[in-house]
Each structure stands twice: as C-alpha cells, then as structure tokens.
N, C-alpha and C. Protein backbone atom coordinates (compact mmCIF):
# COMPACT_ATOMS: atom_id res chain seq x y z
N GLU A 1 93.66 74.60 87.42
CA GLU A 1 92.53 74.36 88.39
C GLU A 1 93.08 74.32 89.79
N ASP A 2 94.28 73.76 90.05
CA ASP A 2 94.77 73.69 91.39
C ASP A 2 95.23 75.03 91.96
N SER A 3 95.71 75.93 91.10
CA SER A 3 96.21 77.21 91.61
C SER A 3 95.25 78.36 91.38
N VAL A 4 94.47 78.38 90.28
CA VAL A 4 93.60 79.46 90.01
C VAL A 4 92.28 78.88 89.56
N LYS A 5 91.33 78.81 90.45
CA LYS A 5 90.02 78.24 90.11
C LYS A 5 89.17 79.30 89.39
N LEU A 6 88.41 78.86 88.40
CA LEU A 6 87.60 79.79 87.67
C LEU A 6 86.24 80.13 88.45
N GLU A 7 85.80 79.14 89.20
CA GLU A 7 84.54 79.35 89.87
C GLU A 7 84.77 80.00 91.25
N PRO A 8 83.87 80.73 91.79
CA PRO A 8 82.50 81.04 91.28
C PRO A 8 82.55 82.17 90.23
N TYR A 9 82.05 81.85 89.05
CA TYR A 9 82.14 82.82 87.95
C TYR A 9 81.43 84.13 88.24
N ALA A 10 80.20 84.04 88.76
CA ALA A 10 79.42 85.27 89.01
C ALA A 10 80.12 86.21 89.96
N ASP A 11 80.69 85.69 91.03
CA ASP A 11 81.38 86.49 92.00
C ASP A 11 82.58 87.19 91.37
N LYS A 12 83.27 86.52 90.49
CA LYS A 12 84.45 87.15 89.83
C LYS A 12 84.00 88.31 88.92
N TRP A 13 82.96 88.12 88.17
CA TRP A 13 82.48 89.22 87.28
C TRP A 13 82.03 90.43 88.13
N ARG A 14 81.27 90.11 89.22
CA ARG A 14 80.85 91.20 90.09
C ARG A 14 82.01 91.98 90.70
N ALA A 15 83.04 91.22 91.05
CA ALA A 15 84.25 91.84 91.65
C ALA A 15 84.88 92.83 90.67
N PHE A 16 84.76 92.60 89.39
CA PHE A 16 85.31 93.48 88.39
C PHE A 16 84.28 94.59 87.98
N GLY A 17 83.18 94.68 88.70
CA GLY A 17 82.25 95.76 88.45
C GLY A 17 81.21 95.55 87.41
N TRP A 18 81.04 94.31 86.93
CA TRP A 18 80.08 94.02 85.91
C TRP A 18 78.68 93.76 86.55
N HIS A 19 77.66 94.12 85.80
CA HIS A 19 76.30 93.72 86.18
C HIS A 19 76.17 92.29 85.81
N THR A 20 75.95 91.41 86.79
CA THR A 20 76.04 89.98 86.56
C THR A 20 74.72 89.32 86.84
N ILE A 21 74.24 88.56 85.84
CA ILE A 21 72.99 87.81 85.99
C ILE A 21 73.30 86.35 85.78
N GLU A 22 72.90 85.51 86.76
CA GLU A 22 73.16 84.08 86.66
C GLU A 22 71.85 83.33 86.63
N LEU A 23 71.66 82.52 85.58
CA LEU A 23 70.46 81.75 85.49
C LEU A 23 70.73 80.27 85.86
N GLU A 24 69.99 79.78 86.85
CA GLU A 24 70.16 78.37 87.20
C GLU A 24 69.78 77.42 86.08
N ASP A 25 68.72 77.79 85.34
CA ASP A 25 68.31 76.98 84.23
C ASP A 25 68.63 77.73 82.93
N GLY A 26 69.79 77.45 82.41
CA GLY A 26 70.26 78.12 81.22
C GLY A 26 69.53 77.69 79.91
N HIS A 27 68.52 76.83 80.06
CA HIS A 27 67.73 76.40 78.92
C HIS A 27 66.35 77.08 78.90
N ASP A 28 66.09 77.90 79.87
CA ASP A 28 64.76 78.60 80.00
C ASP A 28 64.78 79.84 79.12
N LEU A 29 64.19 79.71 77.95
CA LEU A 29 64.22 80.82 77.00
C LEU A 29 63.59 82.12 77.50
N ALA A 30 62.51 82.00 78.23
CA ALA A 30 61.88 83.21 78.84
C ALA A 30 62.83 83.91 79.78
N ALA A 31 63.50 83.16 80.62
CA ALA A 31 64.48 83.72 81.56
C ALA A 31 65.65 84.34 80.83
N ILE A 32 66.11 83.69 79.77
CA ILE A 32 67.21 84.28 78.99
C ILE A 32 66.78 85.62 78.37
N ASP A 33 65.57 85.62 77.83
CA ASP A 33 65.09 86.88 77.23
C ASP A 33 64.99 87.97 78.28
N ALA A 34 64.50 87.63 79.44
CA ALA A 34 64.41 88.61 80.55
C ALA A 34 65.77 89.11 80.99
N ALA A 35 66.75 88.20 81.03
CA ALA A 35 68.13 88.57 81.40
C ALA A 35 68.73 89.53 80.35
N ILE A 36 68.46 89.27 79.07
CA ILE A 36 69.01 90.14 78.02
C ILE A 36 68.37 91.54 78.16
N THR A 37 67.09 91.60 78.41
CA THR A 37 66.40 92.86 78.63
C THR A 37 66.99 93.62 79.80
N GLU A 38 67.20 92.89 80.91
CA GLU A 38 67.79 93.51 82.13
C GLU A 38 69.20 93.97 81.80
N ALA A 39 69.97 93.19 81.09
CA ALA A 39 71.37 93.56 80.78
C ALA A 39 71.42 94.84 79.93
N LYS A 40 70.50 94.95 79.01
CA LYS A 40 70.50 96.14 78.11
C LYS A 40 70.20 97.43 78.94
N GLN A 41 69.47 97.26 80.04
CA GLN A 41 69.08 98.43 80.89
C GLN A 41 70.16 98.77 81.92
N ALA A 42 71.13 97.92 82.08
CA ALA A 42 72.15 98.19 83.10
C ALA A 42 73.01 99.36 82.68
N ASP A 43 73.57 100.08 83.67
CA ASP A 43 74.42 101.22 83.39
C ASP A 43 75.91 100.84 83.37
N LYS A 44 76.20 99.55 83.26
CA LYS A 44 77.58 99.11 83.19
C LYS A 44 77.62 97.84 82.35
N PRO A 45 78.75 97.34 82.02
CA PRO A 45 78.80 96.09 81.21
C PRO A 45 78.08 94.96 81.96
N SER A 46 77.54 94.07 81.18
CA SER A 46 76.76 92.95 81.73
C SER A 46 77.32 91.58 81.34
N MET A 47 77.20 90.64 82.26
CA MET A 47 77.59 89.24 82.00
C MET A 47 76.38 88.43 82.36
N ILE A 48 75.95 87.58 81.44
CA ILE A 48 74.87 86.64 81.70
C ILE A 48 75.49 85.22 81.75
N ILE A 49 75.34 84.56 82.87
CA ILE A 49 75.92 83.23 83.02
C ILE A 49 74.74 82.24 82.99
N LEU A 50 74.82 81.31 82.07
CA LEU A 50 73.80 80.29 81.90
C LEU A 50 74.34 78.93 82.41
N ASN A 51 73.69 78.39 83.39
CA ASN A 51 74.03 77.07 83.86
C ASN A 51 73.23 76.08 83.04
N THR A 52 73.92 75.32 82.23
CA THR A 52 73.27 74.43 81.26
C THR A 52 73.65 72.99 81.48
N VAL A 53 72.90 72.11 80.85
CA VAL A 53 73.23 70.66 80.84
C VAL A 53 73.65 70.34 79.45
N LYS A 54 74.86 69.84 79.31
CA LYS A 54 75.40 69.51 78.00
C LYS A 54 74.58 68.32 77.40
N GLY A 55 74.19 68.50 76.18
CA GLY A 55 73.41 67.47 75.53
C GLY A 55 71.94 67.49 75.94
N LYS A 56 71.47 68.60 76.48
CA LYS A 56 70.08 68.72 77.01
C LYS A 56 69.07 68.20 75.97
N GLY A 57 68.20 67.35 76.45
CA GLY A 57 67.15 66.80 75.58
C GLY A 57 67.42 65.43 75.01
N VAL A 58 68.67 64.99 75.20
CA VAL A 58 69.01 63.62 74.73
C VAL A 58 69.61 62.90 75.90
N LYS A 59 68.82 62.05 76.49
CA LYS A 59 69.16 61.42 77.78
C LYS A 59 70.55 60.75 77.81
N PHE A 60 70.88 59.96 76.79
CA PHE A 60 72.10 59.22 76.87
C PHE A 60 73.34 60.18 76.77
N ILE A 61 73.15 61.33 76.16
CA ILE A 61 74.26 62.31 76.12
C ILE A 61 74.28 63.13 77.42
N GLU A 62 73.15 63.48 77.92
CA GLU A 62 73.10 64.22 79.22
C GLU A 62 73.82 63.39 80.28
N GLU A 63 73.59 62.11 80.28
CA GLU A 63 74.16 61.23 81.34
C GLU A 63 75.68 61.12 81.25
N MET A 64 76.26 61.45 80.10
CA MET A 64 77.70 61.35 79.95
C MET A 64 78.43 62.48 80.65
N GLY A 65 77.75 63.57 80.98
CA GLY A 65 78.39 64.68 81.65
C GLY A 65 79.41 65.40 80.82
N PHE A 66 80.56 65.69 81.39
CA PHE A 66 81.59 66.43 80.69
C PHE A 66 82.24 65.66 79.55
N GLY A 67 82.06 64.40 79.47
CA GLY A 67 82.65 63.62 78.44
C GLY A 67 81.92 63.58 77.10
N ASN A 68 80.93 64.47 76.99
CA ASN A 68 80.09 64.42 75.80
C ASN A 68 80.45 65.45 74.74
N HIS A 69 81.58 66.07 74.82
CA HIS A 69 82.03 67.01 73.83
C HIS A 69 82.66 66.26 72.67
N SER A 70 82.19 66.51 71.46
CA SER A 70 82.78 65.92 70.27
C SER A 70 82.80 64.43 70.31
N ILE A 71 81.72 63.85 70.77
CA ILE A 71 81.68 62.38 70.81
C ILE A 71 81.29 61.79 69.45
N PRO A 72 81.95 60.75 69.08
CA PRO A 72 81.50 60.11 67.82
C PRO A 72 80.19 59.34 68.10
N MET A 73 79.24 59.48 67.19
CA MET A 73 77.99 58.79 67.33
C MET A 73 77.77 57.83 66.21
N THR A 74 77.15 56.73 66.56
CA THR A 74 76.75 55.79 65.51
C THR A 74 75.50 56.36 64.81
N LYS A 75 75.17 55.83 63.66
CA LYS A 75 73.99 56.27 62.97
C LYS A 75 72.77 56.01 63.80
N GLU A 76 72.73 54.92 64.53
CA GLU A 76 71.60 54.53 65.35
C GLU A 76 71.45 55.56 66.52
N GLN A 77 72.60 55.93 67.12
CA GLN A 77 72.49 56.92 68.24
C GLN A 77 72.05 58.26 67.71
N MET A 78 72.52 58.69 66.55
CA MET A 78 72.07 59.94 65.95
C MET A 78 70.57 59.94 65.69
N GLU A 79 70.12 58.86 65.13
CA GLU A 79 68.66 58.73 64.85
C GLU A 79 67.83 58.75 66.12
N ALA A 80 68.33 58.08 67.17
CA ALA A 80 67.65 58.08 68.48
C ALA A 80 67.64 59.44 69.07
N ALA A 81 68.78 60.18 68.96
CA ALA A 81 68.86 61.54 69.52
C ALA A 81 67.92 62.45 68.80
N ILE A 82 67.83 62.39 67.51
CA ILE A 82 66.90 63.28 66.78
C ILE A 82 65.48 62.94 67.10
N ALA A 83 65.15 61.66 67.23
CA ALA A 83 63.79 61.26 67.60
C ALA A 83 63.46 61.76 69.00
N GLU A 84 64.37 61.71 69.92
CA GLU A 84 64.12 62.14 71.28
C GLU A 84 63.91 63.66 71.34
N ILE A 85 64.73 64.38 70.58
CA ILE A 85 64.49 65.86 70.54
C ILE A 85 63.14 66.24 69.98
N ARG A 86 62.76 65.47 68.95
CA ARG A 86 61.45 65.70 68.30
C ARG A 86 60.32 65.23 69.14
N GLY A 87 60.57 64.49 70.20
CA GLY A 87 59.51 63.98 71.07
C GLY A 87 58.85 62.71 70.54
N GLU A 88 59.54 62.00 69.75
CA GLU A 88 58.97 60.79 69.11
C GLU A 88 59.18 59.59 69.97
C-alpha cells in the first residue's frame, strides 16, 4: 500500500485500454444489469467496478467496516441478521 496503491481502480483499468464502468451503488441490480449490457456492447475488454458495502442489509455488520470478513457470529446475531434481511 505504501509503494504501489491499487486505487483509483477505474483509472488504472482505463489506462490499460479497458472499457471501464464504475457503479457508485454496487447493490443496485438494475444498474448492474445495465452495466453488463453496456459491457457486452463494447468493442474492447470491459471491467465493471462495483462499490459495495460489506454486510449490506445487516446494520451491525455494515458498521464493522473492513473488519467484518469471516467474523464469528453467535446464534443470536445470526438470527438477528436473517430477520433483518427478511425485513422482520
């Protein structure tokens, strides 16, 4: 990270000649579908970059940020997460 930063991703893909589509809301299914359609019509390789929120839809996981990969959950947390996703 100190010597070779990965960001900005989109600019790097464009610099290599790729048709690059970046979605600010990587959870927007209609926008993803439109991006795939656009990518299929491009005359060069395409990259679709989705900006997403890890744990989207489960507030206590969203709030953890980057620390929410492979987190152990209690049975109560799992049940609460499932209920929240279902809108209960």
